[in-house]
C-alpha atoms as a PDB file:
ATOM      1  CA  MET A   1       0.340   0.347   0.330  1.00  0.00           C
ATOM      2  CA  ASP A   2       2.771   2.245   0.887  1.00  0.00           C
ATOM      3  CA  ARG A   3       4.090   2.166  -2.545  1.00  0.00           C
ATOM      4  CA  ALA A   4       0.580   2.240  -4.224  1.00  0.00           C
ATOM      5  CA  ALA A   5       0.194   5.521  -2.382  1.00  0.00           C
ATOM      6  CA  ALA A   6       3.212   6.941  -2.989  1.00  0.00           C
ATOM      7  CA  GLU A   7       2.468   6.667  -7.217  1.00  0.00           C
ATOM      8  CA  HIS A   8      -1.020   7.259  -7.271  1.00  0.00           C
ATOM      9  CA  SER A   9      -3.283   9.592  -4.984  1.00  0.00           C
ATOM     10  CA  LYS A  10      -6.479   7.096  -5.601  1.00  0.00           C
ATOM     11  CA  VAL A  11      -5.806   3.476  -4.170  1.00  0.00           C
ATOM     12  CA  VAL A  12      -8.436   0.481  -4.063  1.00  0.00           C
ATOM     13  CA  LEU A  13      -7.161  -2.748  -1.744  1.00  0.00           C
ATOM     14  CA  ASP A  14      -8.511  -5.990  -3.120  1.00  0.00           C
ATOM     15  CA  ALA A  15      -9.629  -7.223   0.269  1.00  0.00           C
ATOM     16  CA  SER A  16     -10.964 -10.583  -0.888  1.00  0.00           C
ATOM     17  CA  GLY A  17      -8.321 -13.017  -0.064  1.00  0.00           C
ATOM     18  CA  ILE A  18      -7.332 -10.899   3.560  1.00  0.00           C
ATOM     19  CA  THR A  19      -7.846 -14.043   5.598  1.00  0.00           C
ATOM     20  CA  PHE A  20      -6.925 -13.064   8.915  1.00  0.00           C
ATOM     21  CA  ALA A  21      -6.703  -9.328   9.796  1.00  0.00           C
ATOM     22  CA  ASP A  22      -6.105  -7.317  13.274  1.00  0.00           C
ATOM     23  CA  SER A  23      -4.807  -4.305  14.466  1.00  0.00           C
ATOM     24  CA  SER A  24      -1.760  -5.032  12.558  1.00  0.00           C
ATOM     25  CA  LEU A  25      -4.035  -4.368   8.714  1.00  0.00           C
ATOM     26  CA  LEU A  26      -5.582  -0.696  10.512  1.00  0.00           C
ATOM     27  CA  ASN A  27      -2.452  -0.265  11.578  1.00  0.00           C
ATOM     28  CA  PRO A  28      -1.237   0.941   7.362  1.00  0.00           C
ATOM     29  CA  LEU A  29      -4.617   1.544   6.507  1.00  0.00           C
ATOM     30  CA  ILE A  30      -5.940   4.592   8.370  1.00  0.00           C
ATOM     31  CA  PRO A  31      -2.560   6.717   8.119  1.00  0.00           C
ATOM     32  CA  THR A  32      -2.682   5.883   4.188  1.00  0.00           C
ATOM     33  CA  HIS A  33      -6.595   6.841   4.194  1.00  0.00           C
ATOM     34  CA  ARG A  34      -5.639  10.214   5.307  1.00  0.00           C
ATOM     35  CA  THR A  35      -3.242  10.697   1.880  1.00  0.00           C
ATOM     36  CA  VAL A  36      -4.631   8.933  -0.621  1.00  0.00           C
ATOM     37  CA  ASP A  37      -8.407   8.338  -1.686  1.00  0.00           C
ATOM     38  CA  LEU A  38      -8.548   5.009  -0.473  1.00  0.00           C
ATOM     39  CA  ARG A  39     -11.098   2.301  -0.971  1.00  0.00           C
ATOM     40  CA  VAL A  40     -11.308  -0.673   0.341  1.00  0.00           C
ATOM     41  CA  ALA A  41     -13.096  -3.855  -1.985  1.00  0.00           C
ATOM     42  CA  ALA A  42     -15.034  -7.035  -0.979  1.00  0.00           C
ATOM     43  CA  PRO A  43     -13.548  -7.414   2.041  1.00  0.00           C
ATOM     44  CA  THR A  44     -14.085 -11.033   3.717  1.00  0.00           C
ATOM     45  CA  ARG A  45     -16.565 -11.544   6.642  1.00  0.00           C
ATOM     46  CA  GLN A  46     -13.717 -11.490   9.427  1.00  0.00           C
ATOM     47  CA  LEU A  47     -12.428  -8.420   7.670  1.00  0.00           C
ATOM     48  CA  CYS A  48     -15.725  -6.575   7.523  1.00  0.00           C
ATOM     49  CA  ARG A  49     -16.362  -7.542  11.628  1.00  0.00           C
ATOM     50  CA  LEU A  50     -13.194  -6.029  12.468  1.00  0.00           C
ATOM     51  CA  LEU A  51     -13.557  -2.914  11.052  1.00  0.00           C
ATOM     52  CA  GLU A  52     -17.216  -2.637  12.415  1.00  0.00           C
ATOM     53  CA  ILE A  53     -15.794  -3.466  15.468  1.00  0.00           C
ATOM     54  CA  THR A  54     -13.390  -0.938  15.420  1.00  0.00           C
ATOM     55  CA  GLY A  55     -15.073   1.420  13.885  1.00  0.00           C
ATOM     56  CA  VAL A  56     -12.966   1.797  10.603  1.00  0.00           C
ATOM     57  CA  ASP A  57     -15.914   0.944   8.995  1.00  0.00           C
ATOM     58  CA  ALA A  58     -17.101   4.253   9.341  1.00  0.00           C
ATOM     59  CA  LEU A  59     -14.276   6.147   7.611  1.00  0.00           C
ATOM     60  CA  LEU A  60     -13.241   4.192   4.995  1.00  0.00           C
ATOM     61  CA  THR A  61     -15.035   3.661   1.506  1.00  0.00           C
ATOM     62  CA  VAL A  62     -15.867  -0.070   1.527  1.00  0.00           C
ATOM     63  CA  ARG A  63     -17.523  -1.703  -1.640  1.00  0.00           C
ATOM     64  CA  SER A  64     -18.656  -5.315  -2.423  1.00  0.00           C
ATOM     65  CA  THR A  65     -16.120  -5.609  -6.040  1.00  0.00           C
ATOM     66  CA  VAL A  66     -13.077  -3.994  -6.994  1.00  0.00           C
ATOM     67  CA  GLU A  67     -15.322  -2.428  -9.519  1.00  0.00           C
ATOM     68  CA  GLU A  68     -17.700  -1.073  -7.446  1.00  0.00           C
ATOM     69  CA  ALA A  69     -14.800   0.503  -5.254  1.00  0.00           C
ATOM     70  CA  ALA A  70     -12.923   2.157  -8.288  1.00  0.00           C
ATOM     71  CA  ALA A  71     -16.061   3.949  -9.605  1.00  0.00           C
ATOM     72  CA  CYS A  72     -16.846   5.774  -6.436  1.00  0.00           C
ATOM     73  CA  TRP A  73     -14.138   8.186  -6.625  1.00  0.00           C
ATOM     74  CA  ALA A  74     -14.720  11.528  -4.732  1.00  0.00           C
ATOM     75  CA  PRO A  75     -12.743  14.556  -4.713  1.00  0.00           C
ATOM     76  CA  ARG A  76     -11.187  15.238  -1.818  1.00  0.00           C
ATOM     77  CA  SER A  77     -12.604  18.475  -0.943  1.00  0.00           C
ATOM     78  CA  ALA A  78     -16.319  16.240  -0.478  1.00  0.00           C
ATOM     79  CA  TRP A  79     -14.782  14.067   2.252  1.00  0.00           C
ATOM     80  CA  PRO A  80     -16.351  13.949   5.398  1.00  0.00           C
ATOM     81  CA  SER A  81     -14.254  14.796   8.363  1.00  0.00           C
ATOM     82  CA  SER A  82     -12.401  12.128  10.190  1.00  0.00           C
ATOM     83  CA  PRO A  83     -12.385  11.509  13.736  1.00  0.00           C
ATOM     84  CA  TYR A  84      -8.802   9.886  13.343  1.00  0.00           C
ATOM     85  CA  SER A  85      -7.460  12.923  11.247  1.00  0.00           C
END
């Protein structure tokens, strides 16, 4: 993600293959979200649950497919204020 964020202003994370997630995944997601337009696509049930429990689902844009995530770009000025900023 660091490399993608350094090279692009918009990043889609295809999370469909993530079988385990904990704070070690959340730790890079939040800072990446602060610097680029980050979308999480096709998260597994376990990842969805982690995002819900931690409240990060309210911070990140999560979509059910990569195509949906790529199609929902919004200008950064339209982003809601983040409680994590």
